[in-house]
Amino acid sequence: MSAIERWQPGTRRGFMDEYLDSLSLVERLHRLLLDVLKDEFERLGVLEINSVQALLLFNVGDNEVTAGELKSRGYYQGSNVSYNLKKLVDMGYMHHQRCEIDRRAVRVKLTPKGRNIHQMVSNLFERHADGMQTRGVLGLEGIEQINSQLRRIERYWTDQIRYIY
């Protein structure tokens, strides 16, 4: 079966086609989430931070963390998180302080300005969750199933990194 035949309506698609579709969808959803955040901050008149930085502030929340901890939680890649943390500290959204035990490590936490951004993102996500349920886009059972399947993929990929390469 040719590539064109695989994509024709009514033809049976194989696992590989569905897997590639899923990968593409995950990538598009991530970019779309960043666009949604960008639009929200433009609407609110918050223009000095980008959507990646806003998401970072949301993920830090009430915690005090190092860049390494953010990377190990799987939120960010190395240079990406270091650059954005430095920018957020410089703009007054985060405090930073050297660790007492390991002077090479820097711990960061949100300032009141950073907590304000965290709250804006939290409010946006709450509106989205309510809207999805109210409009019947997705219910509790559906989101639980999606999360379960995504966690299984995450474990599989993690195992590939740890044990195969």
N, C-alpha and C. Protein backbone atom coordinates (compact mmCIF):
# COMPACT_ATOMS: atom_id res chain seq x y z
N MET A 1 0.85 -1.17 0.00
CA MET A 1 0.00 0.00 0.00
C MET A 1 0.90 1.24 0.00
N SER A 2 0.64 2.17 -0.89
CA SER A 2 1.45 3.38 -0.98
C SER A 2 1.07 4.35 0.14
N ALA A 3 1.90 5.37 0.32
CA ALA A 3 1.64 6.38 1.35
C ALA A 3 0.33 7.08 1.09
N ILE A 4 0.03 7.34 -0.18
CA ILE A 4 -1.23 8.03 -0.52
C ILE A 4 -2.42 7.14 -0.18
N GLU A 5 -2.32 5.84 -0.50
CA GLU A 5 -3.42 4.93 -0.20
C GLU A 5 -3.68 4.84 1.30
N ARG A 6 -2.63 4.90 2.10
CA ARG A 6 -2.81 4.82 3.56
C ARG A 6 -3.62 5.98 4.09
N TRP A 7 -3.58 7.12 3.43
CA TRP A 7 -4.26 8.31 3.93
C TRP A 7 -5.63 8.53 3.31
N GLN A 8 -6.06 7.64 2.44
CA GLN A 8 -7.37 7.79 1.82
C GLN A 8 -8.47 7.48 2.83
N PRO A 9 -9.58 8.23 2.78
CA PRO A 9 -10.69 7.95 3.68
C PRO A 9 -11.16 6.50 3.49
N GLY A 10 -11.49 5.87 4.59
CA GLY A 10 -12.02 4.51 4.54
C GLY A 10 -10.96 3.43 4.51
N THR A 11 -9.68 3.79 4.37
CA THR A 11 -8.64 2.76 4.40
C THR A 11 -8.20 2.53 5.83
N ARG A 12 -7.74 1.33 6.08
CA ARG A 12 -7.29 1.00 7.43
C ARG A 12 -5.87 1.50 7.63
N ARG A 13 -5.70 2.28 8.67
CA ARG A 13 -4.37 2.83 8.96
C ARG A 13 -3.64 1.92 9.92
N GLY A 14 -2.36 1.84 9.75
CA GLY A 14 -1.55 1.01 10.62
C GLY A 14 -1.12 1.75 11.87
N PHE A 15 -0.53 1.00 12.78
CA PHE A 15 -0.08 1.57 14.05
C PHE A 15 0.93 2.69 13.83
N MET A 16 1.86 2.49 12.89
CA MET A 16 2.88 3.51 12.64
C MET A 16 2.24 4.83 12.21
N ASP A 17 1.24 4.77 11.36
CA ASP A 17 0.55 5.99 10.93
C ASP A 17 -0.10 6.69 12.13
N GLU A 18 -0.75 5.92 12.97
CA GLU A 18 -1.42 6.50 14.15
C GLU A 18 -0.39 7.06 15.13
N TYR A 19 0.73 6.37 15.29
CA TYR A 19 1.80 6.84 16.18
C TYR A 19 2.35 8.18 15.68
N LEU A 20 2.63 8.27 14.39
CA LEU A 20 3.13 9.53 13.83
C LEU A 20 2.09 10.64 13.97
N ASP A 21 0.84 10.30 13.82
CA ASP A 21 -0.24 11.26 14.04
C ASP A 21 -0.22 11.77 15.48
N SER A 22 -0.05 10.86 16.42
CA SER A 22 0.00 11.23 17.84
C SER A 22 1.18 12.14 18.14
N LEU A 23 2.35 11.80 17.59
CA LEU A 23 3.53 12.64 17.80
C LEU A 23 3.30 14.05 17.27
N SER A 24 2.73 14.13 16.10
CA SER A 24 2.44 15.43 15.50
C SER A 24 1.44 16.21 16.35
N LEU A 25 0.44 15.52 16.85
CA LEU A 25 -0.59 16.17 17.67
C LEU A 25 0.00 16.70 18.98
N VAL A 26 0.85 15.92 19.63
CA VAL A 26 1.48 16.37 20.88
C VAL A 26 2.31 17.63 20.62
N GLU A 27 3.05 17.61 19.53
CA GLU A 27 3.87 18.77 19.19
C GLU A 27 3.00 20.00 18.91
N ARG A 28 1.93 19.81 18.14
CA ARG A 28 1.02 20.93 17.82
C ARG A 28 0.33 21.45 19.08
N LEU A 29 -0.08 20.54 19.96
CA LEU A 29 -0.74 20.97 21.19
C LEU A 29 0.18 21.81 22.06
N HIS A 30 1.45 21.42 22.13
CA HIS A 30 2.41 22.21 22.93
C HIS A 30 2.55 23.61 22.35
N ARG A 31 2.72 23.70 21.05
CA ARG A 31 2.85 25.03 20.41
C ARG A 31 1.56 25.83 20.59
N LEU A 32 0.43 25.16 20.49
CA LEU A 32 -0.85 25.83 20.65
C LEU A 32 -1.02 26.34 22.09
N LEU A 33 -0.59 25.56 23.07
CA LEU A 33 -0.64 26.01 24.46
C LEU A 33 0.18 27.29 24.63
N LEU A 34 1.37 27.34 24.03
CA LEU A 34 2.19 28.54 24.12
C LEU A 34 1.49 29.72 23.45
N ASP A 35 0.80 29.48 22.33
CA ASP A 35 0.05 30.55 21.66
C ASP A 35 -1.12 31.03 22.51
N VAL A 36 -1.81 30.10 23.17
CA VAL A 36 -2.93 30.46 24.06
C VAL A 36 -2.42 31.35 25.19
N LEU A 37 -1.29 30.98 25.78
CA LEU A 37 -0.70 31.80 26.85
C LEU A 37 -0.31 33.17 26.32
N LYS A 38 0.31 33.21 25.15
CA LYS A 38 0.72 34.48 24.55
C LYS A 38 -0.50 35.39 24.35
N ASP A 39 -1.56 34.83 23.79
CA ASP A 39 -2.78 35.62 23.57
C ASP A 39 -3.37 36.13 24.88
N GLU A 40 -3.38 35.30 25.90
CA GLU A 40 -3.92 35.71 27.20
C GLU A 40 -3.11 36.88 27.77
N PHE A 41 -1.80 36.79 27.69
CA PHE A 41 -0.97 37.86 28.25
C PHE A 41 -1.06 39.13 27.42
N GLU A 42 -1.22 39.00 26.12
CA GLU A 42 -1.45 40.20 25.29
C GLU A 42 -2.77 40.85 25.68
N ARG A 43 -3.81 40.02 25.88
CA ARG A 43 -5.13 40.53 26.27
C ARG A 43 -5.06 41.26 27.60
N LEU A 44 -4.23 40.75 28.52
CA LEU A 44 -4.10 41.35 29.85
C LEU A 44 -3.09 42.49 29.88
N GLY A 45 -2.40 42.71 28.76
CA GLY A 45 -1.42 43.80 28.70
C GLY A 45 -0.08 43.47 29.34
N VAL A 46 0.20 42.19 29.53
CA VAL A 46 1.49 41.76 30.09
C VAL A 46 2.36 41.37 28.91
N LEU A 47 3.29 42.25 28.54
CA LEU A 47 4.04 42.03 27.31
C LEU A 47 5.53 41.77 27.53
N GLU A 48 6.01 41.88 28.77
CA GLU A 48 7.45 41.76 28.96
C GLU A 48 7.93 40.32 29.12
N ILE A 49 7.03 39.38 29.35
CA ILE A 49 7.45 37.98 29.43
C ILE A 49 6.81 37.20 28.31
N ASN A 50 7.48 36.11 27.92
CA ASN A 50 6.91 35.28 26.86
C ASN A 50 6.17 34.09 27.48
N SER A 51 5.53 33.32 26.62
CA SER A 51 4.69 32.22 27.10
C SER A 51 5.51 31.12 27.78
N VAL A 52 6.71 30.87 27.32
CA VAL A 52 7.56 29.86 27.96
C VAL A 52 7.91 30.31 29.39
N GLN A 53 8.21 31.59 29.55
CA GLN A 53 8.52 32.11 30.88
C GLN A 53 7.30 32.08 31.78
N ALA A 54 6.13 32.39 31.24
CA ALA A 54 4.90 32.34 32.03
C ALA A 54 4.62 30.91 32.50
N LEU A 55 4.83 29.94 31.63
CA LEU A 55 4.63 28.54 31.99
C LEU A 55 5.65 28.11 33.04
N LEU A 56 6.87 28.60 32.94
CA LEU A 56 7.89 28.30 33.93
C LEU A 56 7.46 28.84 35.30
N LEU A 57 6.96 30.08 35.34
CA LEU A 57 6.49 30.66 36.60
C LEU A 57 5.34 29.84 37.17
N PHE A 58 4.45 29.39 36.31
CA PHE A 58 3.34 28.56 36.75
C PHE A 58 3.85 27.26 37.36
N ASN A 59 4.81 26.62 36.70
CA ASN A 59 5.32 25.33 37.17
C ASN A 59 6.13 25.44 38.46
N VAL A 60 6.80 26.56 38.67
CA VAL A 60 7.53 26.76 39.93
C VAL A 60 6.54 26.94 41.08
N GLY A 61 5.52 27.75 40.85
CA GLY A 61 4.48 27.94 41.87
C GLY A 61 5.04 28.39 43.20
N ASP A 62 4.64 27.70 44.26
CA ASP A 62 5.07 28.06 45.62
C ASP A 62 6.39 27.41 46.02
N ASN A 63 7.01 26.67 45.10
CA ASN A 63 8.24 25.93 45.43
C ASN A 63 9.47 26.81 45.33
N GLU A 64 10.52 26.37 45.97
CA GLU A 64 11.84 26.96 45.81
C GLU A 64 12.68 25.87 45.16
N VAL A 65 13.19 26.13 43.96
CA VAL A 65 13.83 25.08 43.17
C VAL A 65 15.13 25.55 42.55
N THR A 66 15.90 24.57 42.05
CA THR A 66 17.07 24.87 41.23
C THR A 66 16.72 24.58 39.78
N ALA A 67 17.55 25.09 38.88
CA ALA A 67 17.35 24.80 37.46
C ALA A 67 17.42 23.29 37.23
N GLY A 68 18.30 22.63 37.93
CA GLY A 68 18.44 21.17 37.79
C GLY A 68 17.16 20.44 38.17
N GLU A 69 16.50 20.92 39.22
CA GLU A 69 15.24 20.29 39.63
C GLU A 69 14.16 20.47 38.57
N LEU A 70 14.11 21.64 37.95
CA LEU A 70 13.14 21.86 36.88
C LEU A 70 13.42 20.94 35.70
N LYS A 71 14.71 20.74 35.39
CA LYS A 71 15.08 19.84 34.30
C LYS A 71 14.73 18.40 34.66
N SER A 72 15.04 18.00 35.91
CA SER A 72 14.78 16.60 36.30
C SER A 72 13.29 16.29 36.38
N ARG A 73 12.47 17.30 36.61
CA ARG A 73 11.01 17.10 36.60
C ARG A 73 10.49 16.97 35.18
N GLY A 74 11.36 17.25 34.21
CA GLY A 74 10.98 17.10 32.82
C GLY A 74 10.32 18.31 32.22
N TYR A 75 10.35 19.46 32.91
CA TYR A 75 9.69 20.64 32.39
C TYR A 75 10.49 21.33 31.28
N TYR A 76 11.83 21.35 31.41
CA TYR A 76 12.63 22.18 30.53
C TYR A 76 13.95 21.52 30.19
N GLN A 77 14.55 21.97 29.10
CA GLN A 77 15.88 21.55 28.71
C GLN A 77 16.90 22.50 29.36
N GLY A 78 18.15 22.09 29.38
CA GLY A 78 19.21 22.80 30.10
C GLY A 78 19.37 24.27 29.81
N SER A 79 19.80 24.63 28.60
CA SER A 79 20.07 26.04 28.32
C SER A 79 18.78 26.86 28.33
N ASN A 80 17.69 26.26 27.93
CA ASN A 80 16.40 26.94 27.91
C ASN A 80 16.02 27.41 29.31
N VAL A 81 16.10 26.52 30.29
CA VAL A 81 15.69 26.88 31.65
C VAL A 81 16.66 27.90 32.25
N SER A 82 17.95 27.74 32.04
CA SER A 82 18.94 28.66 32.62
C SER A 82 18.74 30.07 32.07
N TYR A 83 18.57 30.18 30.77
CA TYR A 83 18.35 31.49 30.13
C TYR A 83 17.09 32.14 30.68
N ASN A 84 15.99 31.39 30.71
CA ASN A 84 14.72 31.98 31.15
C ASN A 84 14.72 32.31 32.63
N LEU A 85 15.35 31.50 33.45
CA LEU A 85 15.45 31.83 34.88
C LEU A 85 16.21 33.13 35.08
N LYS A 86 17.33 33.28 34.36
CA LYS A 86 18.11 34.51 34.47
C LYS A 86 17.28 35.73 34.06
N LYS A 87 16.55 35.61 32.94
CA LYS A 87 15.71 36.72 32.49
C LYS A 87 14.62 37.05 33.52
N LEU A 88 14.00 36.02 34.10
CA LEU A 88 12.93 36.24 35.07
C LEU A 88 13.47 36.87 36.35
N VAL A 89 14.67 36.51 36.75
CA VAL A 89 15.31 37.15 37.91
C VAL A 89 15.59 38.61 37.58
N ASP A 90 16.17 38.85 36.40
CA ASP A 90 16.51 40.23 35.99
C ASP A 90 15.27 41.12 35.91
N MET A 91 14.12 40.55 35.52
CA MET A 91 12.89 41.34 35.38
C MET A 91 12.09 41.41 36.69
N GLY A 92 12.58 40.75 37.75
CA GLY A 92 11.92 40.86 39.05
C GLY A 92 10.79 39.87 39.30
N TYR A 93 10.70 38.82 38.49
CA TYR A 93 9.64 37.81 38.69
C TYR A 93 10.08 36.69 39.62
N MET A 94 11.40 36.59 39.83
CA MET A 94 11.95 35.54 40.71
C MET A 94 13.08 36.10 41.55
N HIS A 95 13.20 35.53 42.77
CA HIS A 95 14.38 35.77 43.62
C HIS A 95 15.34 34.62 43.36
N HIS A 96 16.63 34.89 43.51
CA HIS A 96 17.57 33.79 43.46
C HIS A 96 18.56 33.92 44.61
N GLN A 97 19.04 32.77 45.05
CA GLN A 97 19.97 32.73 46.19
C GLN A 97 20.82 31.48 46.05
N ARG A 98 22.10 31.61 46.32
CA ARG A 98 23.00 30.46 46.28
C ARG A 98 22.64 29.49 47.41
N CYS A 99 22.73 28.22 47.10
CA CYS A 99 22.47 27.18 48.11
C CYS A 99 23.55 27.23 49.18
N GLU A 100 23.12 27.03 50.42
CA GLU A 100 24.08 27.00 51.53
C GLU A 100 25.00 25.79 51.43
N ILE A 101 24.46 24.66 51.03
CA ILE A 101 25.22 23.40 50.99
C ILE A 101 26.11 23.33 49.76
N ASP A 102 25.55 23.57 48.59
CA ASP A 102 26.29 23.52 47.33
C ASP A 102 26.29 24.92 46.72
N ARG A 103 27.39 25.64 46.91
CA ARG A 103 27.46 27.04 46.49
C ARG A 103 27.37 27.21 44.97
N ARG A 104 27.54 26.10 44.20
CA ARG A 104 27.41 26.20 42.74
C ARG A 104 25.94 26.30 42.33
N ALA A 105 25.06 25.74 43.14
CA ALA A 105 23.63 25.70 42.80
C ALA A 105 22.94 26.99 43.27
N VAL A 106 21.99 27.43 42.47
CA VAL A 106 21.21 28.62 42.80
C VAL A 106 19.75 28.19 42.93
N ARG A 107 19.13 28.57 44.02
CA ARG A 107 17.72 28.28 44.25
C ARG A 107 16.91 29.51 43.87
N VAL A 108 15.77 29.27 43.23
CA VAL A 108 14.90 30.38 42.82
C VAL A 108 13.51 30.16 43.38
N LYS A 109 12.82 31.27 43.61
CA LYS A 109 11.42 31.24 44.01
C LYS A 109 10.75 32.49 43.46
N LEU A 110 9.44 32.45 43.38
CA LEU A 110 8.70 33.56 42.80
C LEU A 110 8.66 34.77 43.74
N THR A 111 8.73 35.93 43.14
CA THR A 111 8.49 37.18 43.86
C THR A 111 6.98 37.42 43.82
N PRO A 112 6.48 38.45 44.51
CA PRO A 112 5.05 38.77 44.36
C PRO A 112 4.66 39.01 42.90
N LYS A 113 5.53 39.64 42.14
CA LYS A 113 5.28 39.87 40.71
C LYS A 113 5.16 38.52 39.97
N GLY A 114 6.02 37.56 40.32
CA GLY A 114 5.97 36.23 39.71
C GLY A 114 4.74 35.46 40.13
N ARG A 115 4.35 35.61 41.40
CA ARG A 115 3.13 34.94 41.89
C ARG A 115 1.89 35.49 41.18
N ASN A 116 1.92 36.76 40.81
CA ASN A 116 0.82 37.35 40.06
C ASN A 116 0.67 36.66 38.69
N ILE A 117 1.79 36.43 38.01
CA ILE A 117 1.76 35.73 36.72
C ILE A 117 1.29 34.30 36.92
N HIS A 118 1.79 33.65 37.95
CA HIS A 118 1.36 32.29 38.28
C HIS A 118 -0.17 32.24 38.42
N GLN A 119 -0.72 33.21 39.11
CA GLN A 119 -2.17 33.25 39.33
C GLN A 119 -2.92 33.49 38.02
N MET A 120 -2.38 34.33 37.15
CA MET A 120 -3.02 34.58 35.85
C MET A 120 -3.10 33.29 35.03
N VAL A 121 -2.01 32.52 35.01
CA VAL A 121 -1.98 31.25 34.27
C VAL A 121 -2.93 30.26 34.92
N SER A 122 -2.93 30.21 36.24
CA SER A 122 -3.83 29.32 36.96
C SER A 122 -5.29 29.64 36.65
N ASN A 123 -5.64 30.92 36.63
CA ASN A 123 -7.00 31.34 36.29
C ASN A 123 -7.37 30.92 34.87
N LEU A 124 -6.44 31.09 33.94
CA LEU A 124 -6.68 30.69 32.55
C LEU A 124 -6.95 29.18 32.47
N PHE A 125 -6.12 28.39 33.12
CA PHE A 125 -6.29 26.94 33.08
C PHE A 125 -7.59 26.51 33.75
N GLU A 126 -7.98 27.21 34.81
CA GLU A 126 -9.28 26.92 35.45
C GLU A 126 -10.43 27.19 34.50
N ARG A 127 -10.38 28.31 33.81
CA ARG A 127 -11.42 28.63 32.82
C ARG A 127 -11.48 27.57 31.73
N HIS A 128 -10.32 27.13 31.28
CA HIS A 128 -10.28 26.09 30.24
C HIS A 128 -10.87 24.78 30.75
N ALA A 129 -10.50 24.38 31.95
CA ALA A 129 -11.02 23.13 32.52
C ALA A 129 -12.54 23.20 32.66
N ASP A 130 -13.03 24.32 33.18
CA ASP A 130 -14.48 24.50 33.31
C ASP A 130 -15.16 24.48 31.94
N GLY A 131 -14.58 25.18 30.98
CA GLY A 131 -15.15 25.25 29.65
C GLY A 131 -15.20 23.90 28.96
N MET A 132 -14.16 23.12 29.10
CA MET A 132 -14.14 21.79 28.48
C MET A 132 -15.22 20.89 29.06
N GLN A 133 -15.40 20.96 30.37
CA GLN A 133 -16.43 20.14 31.00
C GLN A 133 -17.83 20.64 30.65
N THR A 134 -18.02 21.95 30.74
CA THR A 134 -19.34 22.54 30.49
C THR A 134 -19.80 22.29 29.06
N ARG A 135 -18.88 22.42 28.12
CA ARG A 135 -19.24 22.25 26.70
C ARG A 135 -19.19 20.79 26.25
N GLY A 136 -18.84 19.89 27.15
CA GLY A 136 -18.81 18.47 26.79
C GLY A 136 -17.63 18.08 25.92
N VAL A 137 -16.58 18.92 25.89
CA VAL A 137 -15.38 18.59 25.12
C VAL A 137 -14.70 17.37 25.72
N LEU A 138 -14.63 17.35 27.06
CA LEU A 138 -13.93 16.28 27.76
C LEU A 138 -14.43 16.24 29.20
N GLY A 139 -14.67 15.05 29.70
CA GLY A 139 -15.07 14.88 31.08
C GLY A 139 -13.95 14.28 31.91
N LEU A 140 -14.23 14.05 33.18
CA LEU A 140 -13.22 13.51 34.09
C LEU A 140 -12.69 12.16 33.61
N GLU A 141 -13.57 11.27 33.21
CA GLU A 141 -13.12 9.95 32.76
C GLU A 141 -12.24 10.06 31.52
N GLY A 142 -12.61 10.92 30.58
CA GLY A 142 -11.82 11.09 29.36
C GLY A 142 -10.44 11.63 29.64
N ILE A 143 -10.35 12.65 30.49
CA ILE A 143 -9.04 13.24 30.79
C ILE A 143 -8.18 12.26 31.57
N GLU A 144 -8.80 11.45 32.44
CA GLU A 144 -8.04 10.43 33.17
C GLU A 144 -7.46 9.40 32.21
N GLN A 145 -8.24 9.00 31.20
CA GLN A 145 -7.77 8.03 30.21
C GLN A 145 -6.61 8.61 29.39
N ILE A 146 -6.76 9.85 28.95
CA ILE A 146 -5.69 10.50 28.19
C ILE A 146 -4.42 10.55 29.02
N ASN A 147 -4.53 11.00 30.28
CA ASN A 147 -3.36 11.11 31.14
C ASN A 147 -2.71 9.76 31.38
N SER A 148 -3.50 8.74 31.56
CA SER A 148 -2.97 7.39 31.77
C SER A 148 -2.17 6.94 30.55
N GLN A 149 -2.71 7.14 29.37
CA GLN A 149 -2.02 6.73 28.15
C GLN A 149 -0.75 7.56 27.93
N LEU A 150 -0.81 8.85 28.18
CA LEU A 150 0.38 9.70 28.02
C LEU A 150 1.47 9.32 29.02
N ARG A 151 1.09 8.95 30.23
CA ARG A 151 2.09 8.50 31.22
C ARG A 151 2.76 7.20 30.77
N ARG A 152 2.00 6.33 30.14
CA ARG A 152 2.58 5.08 29.63
C ARG A 152 3.60 5.37 28.53
N ILE A 153 3.28 6.31 27.65
CA ILE A 153 4.23 6.71 26.61
C ILE A 153 5.46 7.34 27.24
N GLU A 154 5.24 8.20 28.24
CA GLU A 154 6.35 8.84 28.94
C GLU A 154 7.28 7.81 29.56
N ARG A 155 6.72 6.79 30.21
CA ARG A 155 7.54 5.73 30.81
C ARG A 155 8.31 4.96 29.74
N TYR A 156 7.64 4.66 28.63
CA TYR A 156 8.31 3.94 27.54
C TYR A 156 9.49 4.74 27.01
N TRP A 157 9.27 6.03 26.72
CA TRP A 157 10.35 6.87 26.20
C TRP A 157 11.47 7.01 27.22
N THR A 158 11.13 7.17 28.49
CA THR A 158 12.15 7.27 29.54
C THR A 158 12.99 6.00 29.59
N ASP A 159 12.33 4.86 29.50
CA ASP A 159 13.06 3.59 29.48
C ASP A 159 13.98 3.50 28.26
N GLN A 160 13.55 4.03 27.13
CA GLN A 160 14.38 4.01 25.93
C GLN A 160 15.67 4.80 26.15
N ILE A 161 15.54 5.92 26.82
CA ILE A 161 16.72 6.76 27.08
C ILE A 161 17.63 6.09 28.08
N ARG A 162 17.06 5.56 29.15
CA ARG A 162 17.87 4.99 30.23
C ARG A 162 18.53 3.68 29.87
N TYR A 163 17.83 2.81 29.15
CA TYR A 163 18.29 1.44 29.04
C TYR A 163 18.75 1.01 27.66
N ILE A 164 18.42 1.75 26.63
CA ILE A 164 18.79 1.29 25.30
C ILE A 164 20.00 2.03 24.77
N TYR A 165 20.13 3.28 25.08
CA TYR A 165 21.21 4.06 24.47
C TYR A 165 22.43 4.09 25.32
